[in-house]
Amino acid sequence: MSDTVIQPRPAGHPLAGQTLSGARMIVQVLADEGVGAIFGYSGGAILPTYDAVFLFNEEQRQSGGEQIPLIVPANEQGAGFMAAGFARATGRVGVCLVTSGPGATNTVTPIRDCMADSVPIVVICGQVARASIGTDAFQEAPVAALMGSVAKHVFLVTDPTRLEATVRSAFELARTGRPGPVVIDVPKDVQNWEGVFHGAGTLPLPGYRRRMKELTDQVIETGEAERFFEMLGDSQRPLIYAGGGVINANAAEALTAFAATFGIPVVTTLMGIGSIDTTHALSMRMLGMHGAAFANYAVEDCDFLIAAGASRRSSRAARAASRISTSTAPKSTR
């Protein structure tokens, strides 16, 4: 734990210094992070953590504390999508708890969906014991290799003393910056391991935290602002292209006020729906192949596209989508 960043809470954690199993540590960190529900489907490699969930809830019931509901779907894919739905509806990190092998691989689709739509979830997968990893053991799957291409980040816990900090770091990664899915692959022997619970601490993530600080410290310089309004003043057909980042940043009211002040129409992506009231006079609704034809024409014909809450790549994609839609649309829709 020498390289773990310890950030003690002012009052101290009530369980700090106590010996807990790895599974109990996982559940306690979930409770500390304010998890409202766990969606999961059990299996052999994750049973220690499931037992810890039931034990935690029983202790909370007896003490009058808040329990963490465990919702069991038909399969692991359902658990992933339910966790994603919870995150979308509440703004909190969704949690999915599944077993190794086929249990983990069944979550690939919801994880990819969350990555595409910037939905924060933490998927905790059971894994075979550390000594069996790479031996083609029963219900073993290379979770890190499989999830690495579809998740925001993947942790394989091989050092049990870093388990507690890893789970906290997973929540930090899931909810900060561009939200997304984070996977924690926990071998069964790590769940059964017993060690001291610190009640605080995260992993050192210098590169990620440096980038986050650079983002939060960014400001629009006076010269840049002046240049923006010069371009806006010179344009004849400005258009705002609003993406899901507007929703994530709770900036819908600010965007609407800006659009109304300068009389700029707004088109949105699928994830940007809600950035402006669709009944607003400046709303041109969603663009794209499933969007409104006039929204696509607006993007194609504008002379100043203002992208808010969308990446440069998605802005280029919007231009391309509008060209495809307008080129294939019936002439009568023009």
C-alpha atoms as a PDB file:
ATOM      1  CA  MET A   1       0.000   0.000   0.000  1.00  0.00           C
ATOM      2  CA  SER A   2       3.061   2.269  -0.058  1.00  0.00           C
ATOM      3  CA  ASP A   3       1.983   3.905  -3.324  1.00  0.00           C
ATOM      4  CA  THR A   4      -1.669   4.255  -2.351  1.00  0.00           C
ATOM      5  CA  VAL A   5      -2.859   7.801  -1.828  1.00  0.00           C
ATOM      6  CA  ILE A   6      -4.390   7.898   1.652  1.00  0.00           C
ATOM      7  CA  GLN A   7      -6.922  10.646   2.152  1.00  0.00           C
ATOM      8  CA  PRO A   8      -8.240  10.246   5.716  1.00  0.00           C
ATOM      9  CA  ARG A   9     -11.702  11.558   6.427  1.00  0.00           C
ATOM     10  CA  PRO A  10     -11.853  14.230   9.139  1.00  0.00           C
ATOM     11  CA  ALA A  11     -13.903  12.103  11.533  1.00  0.00           C
ATOM     12  CA  GLY A  12     -12.323   8.804  10.520  1.00  0.00           C
ATOM     13  CA  HIS A  13     -14.148   5.770   9.173  1.00  0.00           C
ATOM     14  CA  PRO A  14     -15.920   3.747  11.882  1.00  0.00           C
ATOM     15  CA  LEU A  15     -14.418   0.515  10.517  1.00  0.00           C
ATOM     16  CA  ALA A  16     -10.895   1.863   9.991  1.00  0.00           C
ATOM     17  CA  GLY A  17      -8.306  -0.509  11.436  1.00  0.00           C
ATOM     18  CA  GLN A  18     -10.617  -3.511  11.554  1.00  0.00           C
ATOM     19  CA  THR A  19      -9.803  -6.770   9.787  1.00  0.00           C
ATOM     20  CA  LEU A  20     -12.228  -7.534   6.981  1.00  0.00           C
ATOM     21  CA  SER A  21     -12.355  -9.996   4.112  1.00  0.00           C
ATOM     22  CA  GLY A  22     -11.821  -8.650   0.619  1.00  0.00           C
ATOM     23  CA  ALA A  23     -15.503  -9.225  -0.114  1.00  0.00           C
ATOM     24  CA  ARG A  24     -16.560  -7.232   2.954  1.00  0.00           C
ATOM     25  CA  MET A  25     -14.224  -4.428   1.861  1.00  0.00           C
ATOM     26  CA  ILE A  26     -15.856  -4.301  -1.560  1.00  0.00           C
ATOM     27  CA  VAL A  27     -19.348  -4.021  -0.108  1.00  0.00           C
ATOM     28  CA  GLN A  28     -18.300  -1.444   2.498  1.00  0.00           C
ATOM     29  CA  VAL A  29     -16.755   0.766  -0.164  1.00  0.00           C
ATOM     30  CA  LEU A  30     -19.961   0.457  -2.205  1.00  0.00           C
ATOM     31  CA  ALA A  31     -21.875   1.691   0.837  1.00  0.00           C
ATOM     32  CA  ASP A  32     -19.366   4.522   1.388  1.00  0.00           C
ATOM     33  CA  GLU A  33     -19.799   5.597  -2.240  1.00  0.00           C
ATOM     34  CA  GLY A  34     -23.551   5.906  -1.750  1.00  0.00           C
ATOM     35  CA  VAL A  35     -24.557   3.034  -4.017  1.00  0.00           C
ATOM     36  CA  GLY A  36     -28.341   2.893  -4.145  1.00  0.00           C
ATOM     37  CA  ALA A  37     -28.740  -0.600  -5.591  1.00  0.00           C
ATOM     38  CA  ILE A  38     -26.721  -3.530  -6.881  1.00  0.00           C
ATOM     39  CA  PHE A  39     -27.811  -5.323 -10.042  1.00  0.00           C
ATOM     40  CA  GLY A  40     -26.326  -8.753 -10.464  1.00  0.00           C
ATOM     41  CA  TYR A  41     -26.487 -12.442 -11.157  1.00  0.00           C
ATOM     42  CA  SER A  42     -24.512 -14.772  -8.909  1.00  0.00           C
ATOM     43  CA  GLY A  43     -22.030 -17.516  -9.684  1.00  0.00           C
ATOM     44  CA  GLY A  44     -19.263 -19.460  -7.995  1.00  0.00           C
ATOM     45  CA  ALA A  45     -16.449 -16.961  -8.448  1.00  0.00           C
ATOM     46  CA  ILE A  46     -18.409 -14.033  -6.988  1.00  0.00           C
ATOM     47  CA  LEU A  47     -20.222 -15.854  -4.147  1.00  0.00           C
ATOM     48  CA  PRO A  48     -18.001 -14.408  -1.376  1.00  0.00           C
ATOM     49  CA  THR A  49     -19.063 -10.896  -2.359  1.00  0.00           C
ATOM     50  CA  TYR A  50     -22.722 -11.909  -2.628  1.00  0.00           C
ATOM     51  CA  ASP A  51     -22.477 -13.361   0.891  1.00  0.00           C
ATOM     52  CA  ALA A  52     -20.962 -10.066   2.030  1.00  0.00           C
ATOM     53  CA  VAL A  53     -23.897  -8.138   0.526  1.00  0.00           C
ATOM     54  CA  PHE A  54     -26.410 -10.254   2.450  1.00  0.00           C
ATOM     55  CA  LEU A  55     -24.364  -9.954   5.646  1.00  0.00           C
ATOM     56  CA  PHE A  56     -24.098  -6.183   5.259  1.00  0.00           C
ATOM     57  CA  ASN A  57     -27.829  -5.808   4.691  1.00  0.00           C
ATOM     58  CA  GLU A  58     -28.640  -7.976   7.707  1.00  0.00           C
ATOM     59  CA  GLU A  59     -26.358  -5.871   9.912  1.00  0.00           C
ATOM     60  CA  GLN A  60     -27.980  -2.702   8.549  1.00  0.00           C
ATOM     61  CA  ARG A  61     -31.433  -4.110   9.175  1.00  0.00           C
ATOM     62  CA  GLN A  62     -30.603  -4.878  12.789  1.00  0.00           C
ATOM     63  CA  SER A  63     -29.027  -1.478  13.381  1.00  0.00           C
ATOM     64  CA  GLY A  64     -31.674   0.464  11.467  1.00  0.00           C
ATOM     65  CA  GLY A  65     -29.192   1.575   8.824  1.00  0.00           C
ATOM     66  CA  GLU A  66     -29.691   1.891   5.085  1.00  0.00           C
ATOM     67  CA  GLN A  67     -29.507  -1.356   3.157  1.00  0.00           C
ATOM     68  CA  ILE A  68     -28.325  -1.812  -0.426  1.00  0.00           C
ATOM     69  CA  PRO A  69     -31.049  -3.574  -2.434  1.00  0.00           C
ATOM     70  CA  LEU A  70     -29.833  -6.472  -4.577  1.00  0.00           C
ATOM     71  CA  ILE A  71     -31.834  -6.759  -7.800  1.00  0.00           C
ATOM     72  CA  VAL A  72     -31.514 -10.047  -9.691  1.00  0.00           C
ATOM     73  CA  PRO A  73     -32.399  -9.949 -13.419  1.00  0.00           C
ATOM     74  CA  ALA A  74     -32.782 -12.813 -15.885  1.00  0.00           C
ATOM     75  CA  ASN A  75     -29.112 -12.675 -16.896  1.00  0.00           C
ATOM     76  CA  GLU A  76     -25.928 -10.619 -16.623  1.00  0.00           C
ATOM     77  CA  GLN A  77     -26.678  -8.546 -19.709  1.00  0.00           C
ATOM     78  CA  GLY A  78     -29.888  -7.461 -18.042  1.00  0.00           C
ATOM     79  CA  ALA A  79     -27.939  -6.563 -14.903  1.00  0.00           C
ATOM     80  CA  GLY A  80     -25.636  -4.339 -16.920  1.00  0.00           C
ATOM     81  CA  PHE A  81     -28.463  -2.528 -18.662  1.00  0.00           C
ATOM     82  CA  MET A  82     -30.357  -2.138 -15.382  1.00  0.00           C
ATOM     83  CA  ALA A  83     -27.282  -0.594 -13.768  1.00  0.00           C
ATOM     84  CA  ALA A  84     -27.015   1.724 -16.771  1.00  0.00           C
ATOM     85  CA  GLY A  85     -30.680   2.678 -16.497  1.00  0.00           C
ATOM     86  CA  PHE A  86     -30.227   3.404 -12.795  1.00  0.00           C
ATOM     87  CA  ALA A  87     -27.275   5.660 -13.587  1.00  0.00           C
ATOM     88  CA  ARG A  88     -29.171   7.494 -16.339  1.00  0.00           C
ATOM     89  CA  ALA A  89     -32.218   8.037 -14.120  1.00  0.00           C
ATOM     90  CA  THR A  90     -30.461   9.054 -10.901  1.00  0.00           C
ATOM     91  CA  GLY A  91     -27.162  10.548 -12.019  1.00  0.00           C
ATOM     92  CA  ARG A  92     -25.376   8.174  -9.625  1.00  0.00           C
ATOM     93  CA  VAL A  93     -22.927   5.426 -10.514  1.00  0.00           C
ATOM     94  CA  GLY A  94     -24.692   2.156 -11.325  1.00  0.00           C
ATOM     95  CA  VAL A  95     -23.235  -1.104 -10.005  1.00  0.00           C
ATOM     96  CA  CYS A  96     -23.316  -4.504 -11.674  1.00  0.00           C
ATOM     97  CA  LEU A  97     -22.087  -7.627  -9.842  1.00  0.00           C
ATOM     98  CA  VAL A  98     -21.433 -10.756 -11.913  1.00  0.00           C
ATOM     99  CA  THR A  99     -19.419 -13.947 -11.848  1.00  0.00           C
ATOM    100  CA  SER A 100     -16.437 -15.015 -13.935  1.00  0.00           C
ATOM    101  CA  GLY A 101     -16.268 -16.403 -17.478  1.00  0.00           C
ATOM    102  CA  PRO A 102     -19.671 -16.334 -19.175  1.00  0.00           C
ATOM    103  CA  GLY A 103     -21.063 -14.069 -16.467  1.00  0.00           C
ATOM    104  CA  ALA A 104     -18.489 -11.410 -17.266  1.00  0.00           C
ATOM    105  CA  THR A 105     -18.683 -11.807 -21.034  1.00  0.00           C
ATOM    106  CA  ASN A 106     -22.461 -11.339 -20.929  1.00  0.00           C
ATOM    107  CA  THR A 107     -21.854  -7.752 -19.786  1.00  0.00           C
ATOM    108  CA  VAL A 108     -19.822  -6.726 -22.834  1.00  0.00           C
ATOM    109  CA  THR A 109     -22.839  -5.234 -24.645  1.00  0.00           C
ATOM    110  CA  PRO A 110     -24.070  -2.997 -21.784  1.00  0.00           C
ATOM    111  CA  ILE A 111     -20.490  -1.920 -21.062  1.00  0.00           C
ATOM    112  CA  ARG A 112     -19.989  -0.870 -24.669  1.00  0.00           C
ATOM    113  CA  ASP A 113     -23.359   0.883 -24.599  1.00  0.00           C
ATOM    114  CA  CYS A 114     -22.338   2.832 -21.490  1.00  0.00           C
ATOM    115  CA  MET A 115     -19.025   3.785 -23.062  1.00  0.00           C
ATOM    116  CA  ALA A 116     -20.749   5.107 -26.162  1.00  0.00           C
ATOM    117  CA  ASP A 117     -23.329   7.067 -24.165  1.00  0.00           C
ATOM    118  CA  SER A 118     -21.022   8.236 -21.332  1.00  0.00           C
ATOM    119  CA  VAL A 119     -22.954   6.417 -18.604  1.00  0.00           C
ATOM    120  CA  PRO A 120     -21.093   5.837 -15.308  1.00  0.00           C
ATOM    121  CA  ILE A 121     -21.262   2.251 -14.061  1.00  0.00           C
ATOM    122  CA  VAL A 122     -18.894  -0.007 -12.125  1.00  0.00           C
ATOM    123  CA  VAL A 123     -18.940  -3.672 -13.090  1.00  0.00           C
ATOM    124  CA  ILE A 124     -17.460  -6.016 -10.489  1.00  0.00           C
ATOM    125  CA  CYS A 125     -16.600  -9.425 -11.953  1.00  0.00           C
ATOM    126  CA  GLY A 126     -15.585 -12.497 -10.053  1.00  0.00           C
ATOM    127  CA  GLN A 127     -12.495 -14.234 -11.409  1.00  0.00           C
ATOM    128  CA  VAL A 128     -10.815 -17.574 -10.823  1.00  0.00           C
ATOM    129  CA  ALA A 129      -8.119 -17.660  -8.150  1.00  0.00           C
ATOM    130  CA  ARG A 130      -4.897 -15.855  -9.030  1.00  0.00           C
ATOM    131  CA  ALA A 131      -2.945 -19.091  -9.325  1.00  0.00           C
ATOM    132  CA  SER A 132      -5.408 -20.331 -11.963  1.00  0.00           C
ATOM    133  CA  ILE A 133      -5.444 -17.254 -14.168  1.00  0.00           C
ATOM    134  CA  GLY A 134      -4.151 -18.093 -17.619  1.00  0.00           C
ATOM    135  CA  THR A 135      -4.568 -21.857 -17.218  1.00  0.00           C
ATOM    136  CA  ASP A 136      -7.914 -22.086 -19.026  1.00  0.00           C
ATOM    137  CA  ALA A 137      -9.528 -22.902 -15.708  1.00  0.00           C
ATOM    138  CA  PHE A 138     -13.253 -23.598 -15.343  1.00  0.00           C
ATOM    139  CA  GLN A 139     -15.264 -20.473 -16.239  1.00  0.00           C
ATOM    140  CA  GLU A 140     -12.173 -18.376 -16.761  1.00  0.00           C
ATOM    141  CA  ALA A 141     -12.222 -15.570 -19.335  1.00  0.00           C
ATOM    142  CA  PRO A 142      -9.595 -12.903 -20.108  1.00  0.00           C
ATOM    143  CA  VAL A 143     -11.753 -10.082 -18.772  1.00  0.00           C
ATOM    144  CA  ALA A 144      -9.045  -7.425 -18.944  1.00  0.00           C
ATOM    145  CA  ALA A 145      -8.330  -8.218 -22.588  1.00  0.00           C
ATOM    146  CA  LEU A 146     -12.002  -8.405 -23.533  1.00  0.00           C
ATOM    147  CA  MET A 147     -13.168  -5.309 -21.685  1.00  0.00           C
ATOM    148  CA  GLY A 148     -10.130  -3.160 -22.397  1.00  0.00           C
ATOM    149  CA  SER A 149     -11.470  -2.187 -25.807  1.00  0.00           C
ATOM    150  CA  VAL A 150     -15.007  -1.336 -24.649  1.00  0.00           C
ATOM    151  CA  ALA A 151     -14.636   0.066 -21.110  1.00  0.00           C
ATOM    152  CA  LYS A 152     -13.227   3.332 -19.846  1.00  0.00           C
ATOM    153  CA  HIS A 153     -10.817   1.402 -17.614  1.00  0.00           C
ATOM    154  CA  VAL A 154     -10.285  -2.155 -16.385  1.00  0.00           C
ATOM    155  CA  PHE A 155      -8.678  -3.246 -13.116  1.00  0.00           C
ATOM    156  CA  LEU A 156      -7.413  -6.784 -12.431  1.00  0.00           C
ATOM    157  CA  VAL A 157      -6.796  -7.003  -8.689  1.00  0.00           C
ATOM    158  CA  THR A 158      -3.731  -9.172  -8.094  1.00  0.00           C
ATOM    159  CA  ASP A 159      -2.567  -7.432  -4.903  1.00  0.00           C
ATOM    160  CA  PRO A 160      -5.291  -7.781  -2.242  1.00  0.00           C
ATOM    161  CA  THR A 161      -3.851  -4.917  -0.198  1.00  0.00           C
ATOM    162  CA  ARG A 162      -4.848  -2.595  -3.049  1.00  0.00           C
ATOM    163  CA  LEU A 163      -8.424  -3.891  -3.343  1.00  0.00           C
ATOM    164  CA  GLU A 164     -10.064  -1.237  -1.180  1.00  0.00           C
ATOM    165  CA  ALA A 165      -8.274   1.609  -2.962  1.00  0.00           C
ATOM    166  CA  THR A 166      -9.036   0.048  -6.356  1.00  0.00           C
ATOM    167  CA  VAL A 167     -12.794   0.015  -5.767  1.00  0.00           C
ATOM    168  CA  ARG A 168     -12.752   3.670  -4.689  1.00  0.00           C
ATOM    169  CA  SER A 169     -10.639   4.602  -7.704  1.00  0.00           C
ATOM    170  CA  ALA A 170     -13.095   2.813  -9.995  1.00  0.00           C
ATOM    171  CA  PHE A 171     -15.885   5.104  -8.804  1.00  0.00           C
ATOM    172  CA  GLU A 172     -13.684   8.149  -9.279  1.00  0.00           C
ATOM    173  CA  LEU A 173     -12.903   7.118 -12.849  1.00  0.00           C
ATOM    174  CA  ALA A 174     -16.512   6.234 -13.646  1.00  0.00           C
ATOM    175  CA  ARG A 175     -18.034   9.543 -12.540  1.00  0.00           C
ATOM    176  CA  THR A 176     -15.355  12.118 -13.390  1.00  0.00           C
ATOM    177  CA  GLY A 177     -14.326  13.606 -16.722  1.00  0.00           C
ATOM    178  CA  ARG A 178     -16.327  11.942 -19.447  1.00  0.00           C
ATOM    179  CA  PRO A 179     -18.361   9.396 -17.417  1.00  0.00           C
ATOM    180  CA  GLY A 180     -18.127   5.776 -18.439  1.00  0.00           C
ATOM    181  CA  PRO A 181     -17.984   2.117 -17.413  1.00  0.00           C
ATOM    182  CA  VAL A 182     -15.164   0.811 -15.230  1.00  0.00           C
ATOM    183  CA  VAL A 183     -14.591  -2.921 -14.735  1.00  0.00           C
ATOM    184  CA  ILE A 184     -13.003  -4.523 -11.665  1.00  0.00           C
ATOM    185  CA  ASP A 185     -11.904  -8.142 -12.104  1.00  0.00           C
ATOM    186  CA  VAL A 186     -11.539  -9.681  -8.619  1.00  0.00           C
ATOM    187  CA  PRO A 187     -10.093 -13.205  -8.190  1.00  0.00           C
ATOM    188  CA  LYS A 188     -11.975 -15.389  -5.733  1.00  0.00           C
ATOM    189  CA  ASP A 189      -9.003 -15.788  -3.400  1.00  0.00           C
ATOM    190  CA  VAL A 190      -8.701 -11.988  -3.195  1.00  0.00           C
ATOM    191  CA  GLN A 191     -12.345 -11.826  -2.105  1.00  0.00           C
ATOM    192  CA  ASN A 192     -11.629 -14.413   0.623  1.00  0.00           C
ATOM    193  CA  TRP A 193      -8.398 -12.712   1.732  1.00  0.00           C
ATOM    194  CA  GLU A 194      -8.493 -10.864   5.046  1.00  0.00           C
ATOM    195  CA  GLY A 195      -6.684  -7.633   5.790  1.00  0.00           C
ATOM    196  CA  VAL A 196      -6.891  -4.262   7.478  1.00  0.00           C
ATOM    197  CA  PHE A 197      -9.605  -1.927   6.255  1.00  0.00           C
ATOM    198  CA  HIS A 198      -8.327   1.654   6.038  1.00  0.00           C
ATOM    199  CA  GLY A 199     -11.589   3.459   5.384  1.00  0.00           C
ATOM    200  CA  ALA A 200      -9.921   5.826   2.923  1.00  0.00           C
ATOM    201  CA  GLY A 201      -7.443   5.917   0.068  1.00  0.00           C
ATOM    202  CA  THR A 202      -7.315   5.699  -3.691  1.00  0.00           C
ATOM    203  CA  LEU A 203      -4.801   4.454  -6.207  1.00  0.00           C
ATOM    204  CA  PRO A 204      -2.218   6.868  -7.612  1.00  0.00           C
ATOM    205  CA  LEU A 205      -3.579   7.968 -10.971  1.00  0.00           C
ATOM    206  CA  PRO A 206      -1.189  10.824 -11.775  1.00  0.00           C
ATOM    207  CA  GLY A 207      -1.807  10.982 -15.506  1.00  0.00           C
ATOM    208  CA  TYR A 208      -5.583  10.897 -15.224  1.00  0.00           C
ATOM    209  CA  ARG A 209      -5.739  13.371 -12.345  1.00  0.00           C
ATOM    210  CA  ARG A 210      -3.390  15.723 -14.148  1.00  0.00           C
ATOM    211  CA  ARG A 211      -5.654  15.713 -17.203  1.00  0.00           C
ATOM    212  CA  MET A 212      -8.699  16.322 -15.020  1.00  0.00           C
ATOM    213  CA  LYS A 213      -6.978  19.274 -13.367  1.00  0.00           C
ATOM    214  CA  GLU A 214      -6.047  20.701 -16.754  1.00  0.00           C
ATOM    215  CA  LEU A 215      -9.678  20.436 -17.840  1.00  0.00           C
ATOM    216  CA  THR A 216     -11.084  22.048 -14.701  1.00  0.00           C
ATOM    217  CA  ASP A 217      -8.493  24.825 -14.865  1.00  0.00           C
ATOM    218  CA  GLN A 218      -9.304  25.684 -18.462  1.00  0.00           C
ATOM    219  CA  VAL A 219     -10.818  29.106 -19.064  1.00  0.00           C
ATOM    220  CA  ILE A 220     -11.746  30.979 -22.215  1.00  0.00           C
ATOM    221  CA  GLU A 221      -9.262  33.774 -22.640  1.00  0.00           C
ATOM    222  CA  THR A 222     -10.491  37.248 -23.479  1.00  0.00           C
ATOM    223  CA  GLY A 223      -8.997  37.072 -26.954  1.00  0.00           C
ATOM    224  CA  GLU A 224     -10.699  33.767 -27.669  1.00  0.00           C
ATOM    225  CA  ALA A 225     -14.046  35.130 -26.483  1.00  0.00           C
ATOM    226  CA  GLU A 226     -13.666  38.202 -28.674  1.00  0.00           C
ATOM    227  CA  ARG A 227     -12.810  36.034 -31.678  1.00  0.00           C
ATOM    228  CA  PHE A 228     -15.875  33.856 -31.035  1.00  0.00           C
ATOM    229  CA  PHE A 229     -18.246  36.821 -30.995  1.00  0.00           C
ATOM    230  CA  GLU A 230     -16.592  38.272 -34.077  1.00  0.00           C
ATOM    231  CA  MET A 231     -17.285  35.023 -35.917  1.00  0.00           C
ATOM    232  CA  LEU A 232     -20.829  34.952 -34.540  1.00  0.00           C
ATOM    233  CA  GLY A 233     -21.399  38.513 -35.678  1.00  0.00           C
ATOM    234  CA  ASP A 234     -20.093  37.757 -39.162  1.00  0.00           C
ATOM    235  CA  SER A 235     -22.217  34.644 -39.610  1.00  0.00           C
ATOM    236  CA  GLN A 236     -25.584  34.680 -41.328  1.00  0.00           C
ATOM    237  CA  ARG A 237     -26.789  31.194 -40.373  1.00  0.00           C
ATOM    238  CA  PRO A 238     -25.252  30.185 -37.016  1.00  0.00           C
ATOM    239  CA  LEU A 239     -26.351  26.906 -35.458  1.00  0.00           C
ATOM    240  CA  ILE A 240     -25.782  25.261 -32.076  1.00  0.00           C
ATOM    241  CA  TYR A 241     -25.030  21.529 -32.104  1.00  0.00           C
ATOM    242  CA  ALA A 242     -25.736  20.224 -28.568  1.00  0.00           C
ATOM    243  CA  GLY A 243     -24.531  16.844 -27.357  1.00  0.00           C
ATOM    244  CA  GLY A 244     -24.836  14.758 -24.222  1.00  0.00           C
ATOM    245  CA  GLY A 245     -22.171  16.786 -22.446  1.00  0.00           C
ATOM    246  CA  VAL A 246     -24.730  19.561 -21.993  1.00  0.00           C
ATOM    247  CA  ILE A 247     -26.935  17.146 -20.052  1.00  0.00           C
ATOM    248  CA  ASN A 248     -24.054  15.728 -18.011  1.00  0.00           C
ATOM    249  CA  ALA A 249     -22.946  19.232 -17.068  1.00  0.00           C
ATOM    250  CA  ASN A 250     -26.487  20.333 -16.102  1.00  0.00           C
ATOM    251  CA  ALA A 251     -26.044  23.171 -18.590  1.00  0.00           C
ATOM    252  CA  ALA A 252     -29.390  22.952 -20.403  1.00  0.00           C
ATOM    253  CA  GLU A 253     -30.700  26.193 -18.896  1.00  0.00           C
ATOM    254  CA  ALA A 254     -27.491  28.059 -19.751  1.00  0.00           C
ATOM    255  CA  LEU A 255     -27.557  26.739 -23.313  1.00  0.00           C
ATOM    256  CA  THR A 256     -31.198  27.733 -23.772  1.00  0.00           C
ATOM    257  CA  ALA A 257     -30.510  31.198 -22.389  1.00  0.00           C
ATOM    258  CA  PHE A 258     -27.532  31.635 -24.738  1.00  0.00           C
ATOM    259  CA  ALA A 259     -29.533  30.470 -27.756  1.00  0.00           C
ATOM    260  CA  ALA A 260     -32.447  32.758 -26.889  1.00  0.00           C
ATOM    261  CA  THR A 261     -30.213  35.779 -26.279  1.00  0.00           C
ATOM    262  CA  PHE A 262     -28.607  35.570 -29.711  1.00  0.00           C
ATOM    263  CA  GLY A 263     -31.469  33.907 -31.566  1.00  0.00           C
ATOM    264  CA  ILE A 264     -29.479  30.819 -32.572  1.00  0.00           C
ATOM    265  CA  PRO A 265     -31.345  27.624 -33.564  1.00  0.00           C
ATOM    266  CA  VAL A 266     -30.357  24.400 -31.822  1.00  0.00           C
ATOM    267  CA  VAL A 267     -30.069  20.835 -33.084  1.00  0.00           C
ATOM    268  CA  THR A 268     -29.191  17.969 -30.761  1.00  0.00           C
ATOM    269  CA  THR A 269     -27.727  14.506 -30.842  1.00  0.00           C
ATOM    270  CA  LEU A 270     -29.664  11.590 -29.392  1.00  0.00           C
ATOM    271  CA  MET A 271     -27.831  12.015 -26.072  1.00  0.00           C
ATOM    272  CA  GLY A 272     -28.341  15.775 -26.254  1.00  0.00           C
ATOM    273  CA  ILE A 273     -32.144  15.599 -26.293  1.00  0.00           C
ATOM    274  CA  GLY A 274     -33.298  17.761 -23.404  1.00  0.00           C
ATOM    275  CA  SER A 275     -30.598  20.383 -23.909  1.00  0.00           C
ATOM    276  CA  ILE A 276     -33.432  22.634 -25.075  1.00  0.00           C
ATOM    277  CA  ASP A 277     -37.186  22.168 -24.842  1.00  0.00           C
ATOM    278  CA  THR A 278     -38.301  20.560 -28.105  1.00  0.00           C
ATOM    279  CA  THR A 279     -41.287  22.929 -28.163  1.00  0.00           C
ATOM    280  CA  HIS A 280     -39.013  25.975 -27.992  1.00  0.00           C
ATOM    281  CA  ALA A 281     -39.141  28.182 -31.077  1.00  0.00           C
ATOM    282  CA  LEU A 282     -35.376  27.739 -31.606  1.00  0.00           C
ATOM    283  CA  SER A 283     -35.410  23.959 -31.269  1.00  0.00           C
ATOM    284  CA  MET A 284     -34.790  22.095 -34.513  1.00  0.00           C
ATOM    285  CA  ARG A 285     -34.852  18.735 -32.739  1.00  0.00           C
ATOM    286  CA  MET A 286     -32.478  15.842 -33.336  1.00  0.00           C
ATOM    287  CA  LEU A 287     -30.334  15.387 -36.400  1.00  0.00           C
ATOM    288  CA  GLY A 288     -28.925  12.234 -37.983  1.00  0.00           C
ATOM    289  CA  MET A 289     -30.451   9.399 -39.952  1.00  0.00           C
ATOM    290  CA  HIS A 290     -33.220   9.012 -37.340  1.00  0.00           C
ATOM    291  CA  GLY A 291     -33.628  12.742 -36.805  1.00  0.00           C
ATOM    292  CA  ALA A 292     -35.631  15.464 -38.518  1.00  0.00           C
ATOM    293  CA  ALA A 293     -34.822  16.243 -42.134  1.00  0.00           C
ATOM    294  CA  PHE A 294     -34.795  19.975 -41.455  1.00  0.00           C
ATOM    295  CA  ALA A 295     -32.252  19.468 -38.653  1.00  0.00           C
ATOM    296  CA  ASN A 296     -29.905  17.796 -41.122  1.00  0.00           C
ATOM    297  CA  TYR A 297     -30.420  20.537 -43.684  1.00  0.00           C
ATOM    298  CA  ALA A 298     -29.675  23.131 -41.010  1.00  0.00           C
ATOM    299  CA  VAL A 299     -26.317  21.537 -40.217  1.00  0.00           C
ATOM    300  CA  GLU A 300     -25.478  21.262 -43.906  1.00  0.00           C
ATOM    301  CA  ASP A 301     -26.421  24.871 -44.674  1.00  0.00           C
ATOM    302  CA  CYS A 302     -25.154  26.713 -41.589  1.00  0.00           C
ATOM    303  CA  ASP A 303     -22.075  28.915 -41.854  1.00  0.00           C
ATOM    304  CA  PHE A 304     -21.066  28.766 -38.174  1.00  0.00           C
ATOM    305  CA  LEU A 305     -21.535  25.512 -36.237  1.00  0.00           C
ATOM    306  CA  ILE A 306     -21.181  25.861 -32.462  1.00  0.00           C
ATOM    307  CA  ALA A 307     -20.606  22.438 -30.873  1.00  0.00           C
ATOM    308  CA  ALA A 308     -21.500  22.276 -27.181  1.00  0.00           C
ATOM    309  CA  GLY A 309     -21.045  19.112 -25.170  1.00  0.00           C
ATOM    310  CA  ALA A 310     -19.838  17.174 -28.214  1.00  0.00           C
ATOM    311  CA  SER A 311     -16.405  16.100 -29.381  1.00  0.00           C
ATOM    312  CA  ARG A 312     -14.748  17.328 -32.563  1.00  0.00           C
ATOM    313  CA  ARG A 313     -15.159  13.885 -34.056  1.00  0.00           C
ATOM    314  CA  SER A 314     -18.897  13.876 -33.385  1.00  0.00           C
ATOM    315  CA  SER A 315     -19.155  17.351 -34.917  1.00  0.00           C
ATOM    316  CA  ARG A 316     -17.534  16.084 -38.097  1.00  0.00           C
ATOM    317  CA  ALA A 317     -19.829  13.071 -37.985  1.00  0.00           C
ATOM    318  CA  ALA A 318     -22.825  15.403 -37.734  1.00  0.00           C
ATOM    319  CA  ARG A 319     -21.734  17.173 -40.895  1.00  0.00           C
ATOM    320  CA  ALA A 320     -21.260  13.837 -42.659  1.00  0.00           C
ATOM    321  CA  ALA A 321     -24.625  12.524 -41.431  1.00  0.00           C
ATOM    322  CA  SER A 322     -26.410  15.618 -42.639  1.00  0.00           C
ATOM    323  CA  ARG A 323     -24.841  15.296 -46.080  1.00  0.00           C
ATOM    324  CA  ILE A 324     -25.884  11.649 -46.311  1.00  0.00           C
ATOM    325  CA  SER A 325     -29.433  12.391 -45.128  1.00  0.00           C
ATOM    326  CA  THR A 326     -29.910  15.389 -47.400  1.00  0.00           C
ATOM    327  CA  SER A 327     -28.510  13.607 -50.426  1.00  0.00           C
ATOM    328  CA  THR A 328     -30.907  10.675 -50.018  1.00  0.00           C
ATOM    329  CA  ALA A 329     -33.995  12.623 -48.916  1.00  0.00           C
ATOM    330  CA  PRO A 330     -36.884  13.133 -51.389  1.00  0.00           C
ATOM    331  CA  LYS A 331     -36.794  16.488 -53.116  1.00  0.00           C
ATOM    332  CA  SER A 332     -40.216  17.339 -51.703  1.00  0.00           C
ATOM    333  CA  THR A 333     -38.753  17.519 -48.184  1.00  0.00           C
ATOM    334  CA  ARG A 334     -36.425  20.377 -49.058  1.00  0.00           C
END
